[in-house]
Amino acid sequence: MEQYLAAHEIGFVRHDHPPVATVAEAEHYWRDIDALHAKNLFLRNQKGTRHFLAVLAFTRRGDLQALGEHFGEKKLGFASPERLAAHLGLTPGSVSPFGLINDPGHAVTVAIDVAIRDAAHVAFHPNVNTATLVVSGASFQRYLAAVGHEVHWI
């Protein structure tokens, strides 16, 4: 991930830590990181024909019903580890918008919390759960433009 960011002239600061799979586990290691942290949900529709990455400020509740309504889906659920690997090349606990580099066909629909868009600095796993990368809000916008996914700001 760091090579991709460097190639696109996107600055970052890396913070290494033990593996963490949930926000609750990670909060201990975020204490000294001045950035808005996120919870990242990889979802699918009921038929499994559409996949979604929802990136929310870590303090927000992941309202699957509201997300489903936003995308015209009656019901969303969490996608399986196999679907996560197939679509974003990730494993559970390492979900991040940085995984979009592994979806060049743009099969995954992306929804990102406006709080993340408006933050001065944001923090995400670099596609592994043993580190956190901090980028400026402007740098995150450049990353999103580089991967080319349409973003639904929610």
N, C-alpha and C. Protein backbone atom coordinates (compact mmCIF):
# COMPACT_ATOMS: atom_id res chain seq x y z
N MET A 1 0.81 -1.18 0.00
CA MET A 1 0.00 0.00 0.00
C MET A 1 0.86 1.25 0.00
N GLU A 2 1.91 1.22 0.83
CA GLU A 2 2.77 2.39 0.92
C GLU A 2 3.41 2.72 -0.43
N GLN A 3 3.75 1.70 -1.21
CA GLN A 3 4.34 1.94 -2.54
C GLN A 3 3.33 2.63 -3.45
N TYR A 4 2.09 2.21 -3.40
CA TYR A 4 1.04 2.83 -4.21
C TYR A 4 0.90 4.30 -3.85
N LEU A 5 0.84 4.59 -2.55
CA LEU A 5 0.68 5.97 -2.10
C LEU A 5 1.88 6.81 -2.53
N ALA A 6 3.06 6.28 -2.35
CA ALA A 6 4.27 7.01 -2.74
C ALA A 6 4.28 7.27 -4.25
N ALA A 7 3.88 6.28 -5.04
CA ALA A 7 3.86 6.45 -6.50
C ALA A 7 2.87 7.53 -6.92
N HIS A 8 1.85 7.76 -6.13
CA HIS A 8 0.85 8.80 -6.43
C HIS A 8 1.10 10.08 -5.62
N GLU A 9 2.29 10.17 -5.05
CA GLU A 9 2.70 11.36 -4.29
C GLU A 9 1.70 11.71 -3.18
N ILE A 10 1.28 10.67 -2.48
CA ILE A 10 0.36 10.83 -1.36
C ILE A 10 1.15 10.55 -0.09
N GLY A 11 1.38 11.61 0.68
CA GLY A 11 2.15 11.47 1.91
C GLY A 11 1.36 10.77 2.99
N PHE A 12 2.06 10.08 3.86
CA PHE A 12 1.42 9.36 4.96
C PHE A 12 2.42 9.20 6.10
N VAL A 13 1.88 8.89 7.27
CA VAL A 13 2.68 8.53 8.43
C VAL A 13 2.20 7.16 8.87
N ARG A 14 3.13 6.24 9.06
CA ARG A 14 2.78 4.86 9.45
C ARG A 14 2.98 4.69 10.95
N HIS A 15 1.99 4.03 11.58
CA HIS A 15 2.05 3.68 12.99
C HIS A 15 1.88 2.16 13.08
N ASP A 16 2.92 1.46 13.50
CA ASP A 16 2.83 0.00 13.66
C ASP A 16 2.26 -0.32 15.04
N HIS A 17 1.53 -1.44 15.12
CA HIS A 17 0.93 -1.89 16.37
C HIS A 17 0.62 -3.38 16.24
N PRO A 18 0.29 -4.05 17.33
CA PRO A 18 -0.11 -5.46 17.24
C PRO A 18 -1.38 -5.59 16.39
N PRO A 19 -1.66 -6.80 15.90
CA PRO A 19 -2.87 -7.00 15.11
C PRO A 19 -4.13 -6.60 15.89
N VAL A 20 -5.01 -5.85 15.22
CA VAL A 20 -6.30 -5.48 15.79
C VAL A 20 -7.37 -5.71 14.73
N ALA A 21 -8.48 -6.30 15.15
CA ALA A 21 -9.54 -6.64 14.19
C ALA A 21 -10.78 -5.77 14.34
N THR A 22 -10.89 -5.08 15.47
CA THR A 22 -12.08 -4.27 15.71
C THR A 22 -11.69 -2.88 16.20
N VAL A 23 -12.64 -1.96 16.13
CA VAL A 23 -12.41 -0.61 16.64
C VAL A 23 -12.09 -0.68 18.13
N ALA A 24 -12.82 -1.51 18.86
CA ALA A 24 -12.59 -1.63 20.31
C ALA A 24 -11.15 -2.04 20.60
N GLU A 25 -10.60 -2.98 19.85
CA GLU A 25 -9.22 -3.41 20.04
C GLU A 25 -8.24 -2.31 19.65
N ALA A 26 -8.56 -1.56 18.62
CA ALA A 26 -7.63 -0.57 18.07
C ALA A 26 -7.57 0.71 18.88
N GLU A 27 -8.63 1.06 19.58
CA GLU A 27 -8.68 2.35 20.28
C GLU A 27 -7.49 2.55 21.22
N HIS A 28 -7.02 1.50 21.84
CA HIS A 28 -5.86 1.60 22.73
C HIS A 28 -4.63 2.14 21.99
N TYR A 29 -4.47 1.76 20.74
CA TYR A 29 -3.29 2.16 19.97
C TYR A 29 -3.49 3.50 19.25
N TRP A 30 -4.71 4.02 19.24
CA TRP A 30 -5.00 5.27 18.55
C TRP A 30 -4.78 6.50 19.43
N ARG A 31 -4.57 6.28 20.70
CA ARG A 31 -4.49 7.39 21.66
C ARG A 31 -3.64 8.56 21.19
N ASP A 32 -2.47 8.28 20.67
CA ASP A 32 -1.53 9.34 20.30
C ASP A 32 -1.56 9.68 18.81
N ILE A 33 -2.53 9.18 18.10
CA ILE A 33 -2.64 9.46 16.66
C ILE A 33 -3.70 10.53 16.46
N ASP A 34 -3.28 11.67 15.96
CA ASP A 34 -4.18 12.80 15.76
C ASP A 34 -4.83 12.70 14.38
N ALA A 35 -5.90 11.94 14.31
CA ALA A 35 -6.61 11.73 13.05
C ALA A 35 -7.99 11.17 13.36
N LEU A 36 -8.89 11.32 12.40
CA LEU A 36 -10.21 10.69 12.52
C LEU A 36 -10.07 9.24 12.07
N HIS A 37 -10.42 8.33 12.94
CA HIS A 37 -10.34 6.90 12.63
C HIS A 37 -11.69 6.42 12.10
N ALA A 38 -11.65 5.30 11.41
CA ALA A 38 -12.84 4.81 10.73
C ALA A 38 -13.16 3.38 11.10
N LYS A 39 -14.44 3.06 10.92
CA LYS A 39 -14.85 1.66 10.89
C LYS A 39 -15.24 1.39 9.44
N ASN A 40 -14.85 0.24 8.95
CA ASN A 40 -15.02 -0.10 7.55
C ASN A 40 -15.83 -1.38 7.45
N LEU A 41 -16.94 -1.30 6.73
CA LEU A 41 -17.86 -2.43 6.63
C LEU A 41 -17.93 -2.90 5.18
N PHE A 42 -17.64 -4.18 4.95
CA PHE A 42 -17.78 -4.74 3.61
C PHE A 42 -19.09 -5.51 3.59
N LEU A 43 -20.00 -5.07 2.72
CA LEU A 43 -21.38 -5.56 2.73
C LEU A 43 -21.78 -6.11 1.38
N ARG A 44 -22.88 -6.85 1.38
CA ARG A 44 -23.47 -7.35 0.14
C ARG A 44 -24.97 -7.22 0.23
N ASN A 45 -25.59 -7.22 -0.97
CA ASN A 45 -27.06 -7.22 -0.96
C ASN A 45 -27.55 -8.64 -0.68
N GLN A 46 -28.86 -8.77 -0.52
CA GLN A 46 -29.43 -10.07 -0.13
C GLN A 46 -29.14 -11.17 -1.15
N LYS A 47 -29.13 -10.83 -2.43
CA LYS A 47 -28.87 -11.82 -3.47
C LYS A 47 -27.38 -12.08 -3.68
N GLY A 48 -26.53 -11.23 -3.12
CA GLY A 48 -25.09 -11.38 -3.30
C GLY A 48 -24.61 -10.90 -4.65
N THR A 49 -25.41 -10.06 -5.32
CA THR A 49 -25.05 -9.58 -6.66
C THR A 49 -24.38 -8.21 -6.64
N ARG A 50 -24.46 -7.52 -5.49
CA ARG A 50 -23.82 -6.21 -5.36
C ARG A 50 -23.04 -6.18 -4.05
N HIS A 51 -21.90 -5.48 -4.08
CA HIS A 51 -21.05 -5.38 -2.90
C HIS A 51 -20.76 -3.91 -2.60
N PHE A 52 -20.60 -3.62 -1.32
CA PHE A 52 -20.47 -2.25 -0.86
C PHE A 52 -19.37 -2.14 0.19
N LEU A 53 -18.64 -1.04 0.13
CA LEU A 53 -17.70 -0.70 1.19
C LEU A 53 -18.22 0.57 1.84
N ALA A 54 -18.58 0.47 3.11
CA ALA A 54 -19.03 1.63 3.87
C ALA A 54 -17.92 2.02 4.82
N VAL A 55 -17.49 3.28 4.74
CA VAL A 55 -16.42 3.81 5.56
C VAL A 55 -17.02 4.90 6.44
N LEU A 56 -17.07 4.63 7.74
CA LEU A 56 -17.75 5.53 8.67
C LEU A 56 -16.79 6.02 9.74
N ALA A 57 -17.01 7.22 10.23
CA ALA A 57 -16.27 7.67 11.40
C ALA A 57 -16.49 6.62 12.49
N PHE A 58 -15.43 6.29 13.22
CA PHE A 58 -15.50 5.15 14.15
C PHE A 58 -16.56 5.33 15.24
N THR A 59 -17.01 6.55 15.47
CA THR A 59 -18.03 6.79 16.49
C THR A 59 -19.45 6.58 15.98
N ARG A 60 -19.60 6.43 14.68
CA ARG A 60 -20.94 6.27 14.09
C ARG A 60 -21.41 4.83 14.20
N ARG A 61 -22.71 4.68 14.25
CA ARG A 61 -23.34 3.36 14.22
C ARG A 61 -23.48 2.93 12.77
N GLY A 62 -23.14 1.70 12.46
CA GLY A 62 -23.30 1.17 11.11
C GLY A 62 -24.74 0.75 10.88
N ASP A 63 -25.56 1.64 10.38
CA ASP A 63 -26.98 1.38 10.18
C ASP A 63 -27.18 0.72 8.82
N LEU A 64 -27.23 -0.61 8.80
CA LEU A 64 -27.34 -1.35 7.54
C LEU A 64 -28.66 -1.06 6.83
N GLN A 65 -29.71 -0.84 7.57
CA GLN A 65 -31.00 -0.54 6.93
C GLN A 65 -30.93 0.79 6.19
N ALA A 66 -30.36 1.81 6.81
CA ALA A 66 -30.24 3.12 6.16
C ALA A 66 -29.31 3.03 4.95
N LEU A 67 -28.22 2.29 5.06
CA LEU A 67 -27.32 2.12 3.92
C LEU A 67 -28.04 1.40 2.78
N GLY A 68 -28.81 0.37 3.11
CA GLY A 68 -29.57 -0.34 2.10
C GLY A 68 -30.55 0.57 1.38
N GLU A 69 -31.24 1.40 2.14
CA GLU A 69 -32.19 2.34 1.54
C GLU A 69 -31.46 3.32 0.63
N HIS A 70 -30.28 3.78 1.06
CA HIS A 70 -29.50 4.72 0.24
C HIS A 70 -29.17 4.11 -1.13
N PHE A 71 -28.91 2.82 -1.16
CA PHE A 71 -28.52 2.15 -2.40
C PHE A 71 -29.67 1.40 -3.08
N GLY A 72 -30.89 1.59 -2.60
CA GLY A 72 -32.04 0.94 -3.22
C GLY A 72 -32.07 -0.56 -2.99
N GLU A 73 -31.52 -0.99 -1.89
CA GLU A 73 -31.51 -2.41 -1.53
C GLU A 73 -32.38 -2.62 -0.30
N LYS A 74 -33.18 -3.68 -0.32
CA LYS A 74 -34.05 -3.94 0.82
C LYS A 74 -33.27 -4.40 2.03
N LYS A 75 -32.21 -5.16 1.79
CA LYS A 75 -31.47 -5.71 2.92
C LYS A 75 -30.00 -5.84 2.56
N LEU A 76 -29.15 -5.34 3.45
CA LEU A 76 -27.71 -5.53 3.32
C LEU A 76 -27.23 -6.39 4.48
N GLY A 77 -26.21 -7.17 4.22
CA GLY A 77 -25.60 -7.97 5.27
C GLY A 77 -24.09 -7.97 5.08
N PHE A 78 -23.38 -8.46 6.06
CA PHE A 78 -21.94 -8.53 5.96
C PHE A 78 -21.55 -9.60 4.95
N ALA A 79 -20.61 -9.27 4.10
CA ALA A 79 -20.13 -10.22 3.09
C ALA A 79 -19.16 -11.20 3.75
N SER A 80 -19.05 -12.35 3.16
CA SER A 80 -18.19 -13.41 3.70
C SER A 80 -16.71 -13.07 3.51
N PRO A 81 -15.84 -13.71 4.27
CA PRO A 81 -14.40 -13.52 4.06
C PRO A 81 -13.97 -13.86 2.62
N GLU A 82 -14.64 -14.84 2.03
CA GLU A 82 -14.32 -15.21 0.65
C GLU A 82 -14.66 -14.09 -0.33
N ARG A 83 -15.79 -13.46 -0.13
CA ARG A 83 -16.18 -12.33 -0.98
C ARG A 83 -15.24 -11.15 -0.77
N LEU A 84 -14.86 -10.91 0.48
CA LEU A 84 -13.93 -9.84 0.79
C LEU A 84 -12.59 -10.06 0.08
N ALA A 85 -12.10 -11.28 0.12
CA ALA A 85 -10.85 -11.60 -0.56
C ALA A 85 -10.98 -11.46 -2.08
N ALA A 86 -12.11 -11.91 -2.62
CA ALA A 86 -12.30 -11.86 -4.07
C ALA A 86 -12.44 -10.43 -4.59
N HIS A 87 -13.11 -9.57 -3.85
CA HIS A 87 -13.41 -8.22 -4.35
C HIS A 87 -12.37 -7.17 -3.95
N LEU A 88 -11.82 -7.29 -2.74
CA LEU A 88 -10.88 -6.26 -2.28
C LEU A 88 -9.50 -6.82 -1.93
N GLY A 89 -9.33 -8.14 -2.05
CA GLY A 89 -8.04 -8.73 -1.75
C GLY A 89 -7.65 -8.61 -0.28
N LEU A 90 -8.64 -8.57 0.60
CA LEU A 90 -8.40 -8.34 2.02
C LEU A 90 -8.90 -9.51 2.86
N THR A 91 -8.49 -9.51 4.12
CA THR A 91 -8.96 -10.49 5.08
C THR A 91 -9.74 -9.74 6.17
N PRO A 92 -10.64 -10.44 6.88
CA PRO A 92 -11.39 -9.78 7.95
C PRO A 92 -10.43 -9.12 8.95
N GLY A 93 -10.83 -7.95 9.42
CA GLY A 93 -10.01 -7.21 10.35
C GLY A 93 -9.06 -6.23 9.69
N SER A 94 -8.94 -6.32 8.37
CA SER A 94 -8.03 -5.40 7.66
C SER A 94 -8.77 -4.58 6.61
N VAL A 95 -10.09 -4.53 6.70
CA VAL A 95 -10.89 -3.81 5.71
C VAL A 95 -10.57 -2.32 5.79
N SER A 96 -10.41 -1.72 4.62
CA SER A 96 -9.98 -0.33 4.54
C SER A 96 -10.30 0.20 3.14
N PRO A 97 -10.51 1.50 3.01
CA PRO A 97 -10.68 2.02 1.65
C PRO A 97 -9.42 1.84 0.80
N PHE A 98 -8.29 1.59 1.43
CA PHE A 98 -7.07 1.32 0.66
C PHE A 98 -7.19 0.00 -0.12
N GLY A 99 -8.13 -0.86 0.26
CA GLY A 99 -8.36 -2.09 -0.49
C GLY A 99 -8.94 -1.85 -1.87
N LEU A 100 -9.42 -0.65 -2.14
CA LEU A 100 -9.98 -0.34 -3.46
C LEU A 100 -8.94 -0.45 -4.57
N ILE A 101 -7.66 -0.43 -4.23
CA ILE A 101 -6.63 -0.62 -5.28
C ILE A 101 -6.74 -2.02 -5.88
N ASN A 102 -7.39 -2.94 -5.17
CA ASN A 102 -7.55 -4.31 -5.64
C ASN A 102 -8.87 -4.53 -6.39
N ASP A 103 -9.58 -3.45 -6.69
CA ASP A 103 -10.86 -3.53 -7.40
C ASP A 103 -10.82 -2.62 -8.64
N PRO A 104 -9.94 -2.95 -9.60
CA PRO A 104 -9.81 -2.08 -10.77
C PRO A 104 -11.06 -2.03 -11.64
N GLY A 105 -11.92 -3.03 -11.54
CA GLY A 105 -13.16 -3.04 -12.32
C GLY A 105 -14.30 -2.27 -11.67
N HIS A 106 -14.05 -1.73 -10.49
CA HIS A 106 -15.03 -0.94 -9.75
C HIS A 106 -16.33 -1.71 -9.49
N ALA A 107 -16.20 -2.97 -9.11
CA ALA A 107 -17.36 -3.79 -8.80
C ALA A 107 -17.95 -3.44 -7.43
N VAL A 108 -17.15 -2.82 -6.58
CA VAL A 108 -17.60 -2.46 -5.24
C VAL A 108 -18.10 -1.02 -5.23
N THR A 109 -19.30 -0.82 -4.69
CA THR A 109 -19.86 0.52 -4.53
C THR A 109 -19.35 1.08 -3.21
N VAL A 110 -18.92 2.33 -3.23
CA VAL A 110 -18.26 2.94 -2.07
C VAL A 110 -19.13 4.04 -1.46
N ALA A 111 -19.33 3.96 -0.16
CA ALA A 111 -20.04 4.99 0.59
C ALA A 111 -19.14 5.44 1.73
N ILE A 112 -18.90 6.75 1.82
CA ILE A 112 -18.00 7.27 2.84
C ILE A 112 -18.70 8.39 3.61
N ASP A 113 -18.56 8.33 4.90
CA ASP A 113 -19.10 9.31 5.82
C ASP A 113 -18.53 10.70 5.50
N VAL A 114 -19.40 11.71 5.47
CA VAL A 114 -18.94 13.08 5.19
C VAL A 114 -17.97 13.58 6.26
N ALA A 115 -18.05 13.04 7.46
CA ALA A 115 -17.11 13.43 8.51
C ALA A 115 -15.68 13.07 8.10
N ILE A 116 -15.52 11.97 7.39
CA ILE A 116 -14.19 11.58 6.91
C ILE A 116 -13.75 12.52 5.79
N ARG A 117 -14.66 12.85 4.90
CA ARG A 117 -14.34 13.79 3.82
C ARG A 117 -13.85 15.12 4.38
N ASP A 118 -14.46 15.57 5.47
CA ASP A 118 -14.18 16.89 6.01
C ASP A 118 -13.06 16.92 7.06
N ALA A 119 -12.50 15.77 7.41
CA ALA A 119 -11.47 15.71 8.45
C ALA A 119 -10.13 16.23 7.94
N ALA A 120 -9.37 16.83 8.84
CA ALA A 120 -8.02 17.31 8.49
C ALA A 120 -7.08 16.14 8.21
N HIS A 121 -7.18 15.09 9.03
CA HIS A 121 -6.37 13.88 8.86
C HIS A 121 -7.26 12.67 9.13
N VAL A 122 -7.04 11.61 8.36
CA VAL A 122 -7.79 10.36 8.53
C VAL A 122 -6.82 9.20 8.66
N ALA A 123 -7.29 8.13 9.30
CA ALA A 123 -6.42 6.98 9.56
C ALA A 123 -7.13 5.69 9.17
N PHE A 124 -6.38 4.84 8.46
CA PHE A 124 -6.91 3.55 8.02
C PHE A 124 -5.80 2.50 8.08
N HIS A 125 -6.21 1.23 8.17
CA HIS A 125 -5.24 0.14 8.01
C HIS A 125 -4.70 0.17 6.58
N PRO A 126 -3.43 -0.14 6.39
CA PRO A 126 -2.87 -0.23 5.03
C PRO A 126 -3.07 -1.62 4.43
N ASN A 127 -4.29 -2.15 4.55
CA ASN A 127 -4.68 -3.47 4.04
C ASN A 127 -4.12 -4.63 4.85
N VAL A 128 -3.55 -4.30 5.98
CA VAL A 128 -3.17 -5.28 7.01
C VAL A 128 -3.53 -4.65 8.35
N ASN A 129 -3.82 -5.48 9.35
CA ASN A 129 -4.28 -4.90 10.61
C ASN A 129 -3.18 -4.75 11.66
N THR A 130 -1.94 -4.67 11.21
CA THR A 130 -0.81 -4.49 12.12
C THR A 130 -0.21 -3.09 12.01
N ALA A 131 -0.91 -2.20 11.35
CA ALA A 131 -0.44 -0.82 11.21
C ALA A 131 -1.63 0.08 10.90
N THR A 132 -1.40 1.36 11.10
CA THR A 132 -2.36 2.39 10.75
C THR A 132 -1.61 3.45 9.96
N LEU A 133 -2.19 3.87 8.84
CA LEU A 133 -1.61 4.96 8.05
C LEU A 133 -2.46 6.20 8.24
N VAL A 134 -1.81 7.32 8.47
CA VAL A 134 -2.48 8.61 8.59
C VAL A 134 -2.16 9.42 7.34
N VAL A 135 -3.21 9.94 6.72
CA VAL A 135 -3.06 10.82 5.55
C VAL A 135 -3.90 12.07 5.80
N SER A 136 -3.53 13.14 5.16
CA SER A 136 -4.34 14.35 5.26
C SER A 136 -5.65 14.12 4.52
N GLY A 137 -6.64 14.92 4.85
CA GLY A 137 -7.91 14.82 4.14
C GLY A 137 -7.73 15.05 2.65
N ALA A 138 -6.90 16.02 2.28
CA ALA A 138 -6.64 16.31 0.87
C ALA A 138 -5.94 15.12 0.20
N SER A 139 -5.03 14.49 0.91
CA SER A 139 -4.34 13.33 0.35
C SER A 139 -5.30 12.16 0.16
N PHE A 140 -6.23 11.99 1.09
CA PHE A 140 -7.23 10.93 0.93
C PHE A 140 -8.08 11.19 -0.30
N GLN A 141 -8.44 12.45 -0.53
CA GLN A 141 -9.20 12.80 -1.74
C GLN A 141 -8.40 12.45 -3.00
N ARG A 142 -7.08 12.71 -3.00
CA ARG A 142 -6.23 12.36 -4.14
C ARG A 142 -6.19 10.85 -4.34
N TYR A 143 -6.13 10.10 -3.24
CA TYR A 143 -6.16 8.64 -3.33
C TYR A 143 -7.46 8.18 -3.98
N LEU A 144 -8.59 8.71 -3.52
CA LEU A 144 -9.88 8.30 -4.08
C LEU A 144 -9.95 8.62 -5.57
N ALA A 145 -9.42 9.76 -5.97
CA ALA A 145 -9.39 10.11 -7.40
C ALA A 145 -8.50 9.14 -8.17
N ALA A 146 -7.40 8.74 -7.57
CA ALA A 146 -6.47 7.82 -8.24
C ALA A 146 -7.09 6.45 -8.48
N VAL A 147 -7.86 5.93 -7.51
CA VAL A 147 -8.46 4.61 -7.70
C VAL A 147 -9.69 4.68 -8.58
N GLY A 148 -10.30 5.85 -8.70
CA GLY A 148 -11.37 6.05 -9.68
C GLY A 148 -12.74 5.52 -9.33
N HIS A 149 -12.95 5.11 -8.10
CA HIS A 149 -14.29 4.67 -7.70
C HIS A 149 -15.19 5.88 -7.46
N GLU A 150 -16.42 5.77 -7.90
CA GLU A 150 -17.40 6.80 -7.55
C GLU A 150 -17.67 6.68 -6.06
N VAL A 151 -17.68 7.79 -5.37
CA VAL A 151 -17.92 7.78 -3.93
C VAL A 151 -19.28 8.40 -3.64
N HIS A 152 -20.07 7.71 -2.84
CA HIS A 152 -21.34 8.22 -2.35
C HIS A 152 -21.06 8.77 -0.96
N TRP A 153 -21.13 10.08 -0.80
CA TRP A 153 -20.90 10.69 0.51
C TRP A 153 -22.19 10.61 1.31
N ILE A 154 -22.07 10.02 2.49
CA ILE A 154 -23.27 9.80 3.31
C ILE A 154 -23.12 10.49 4.66
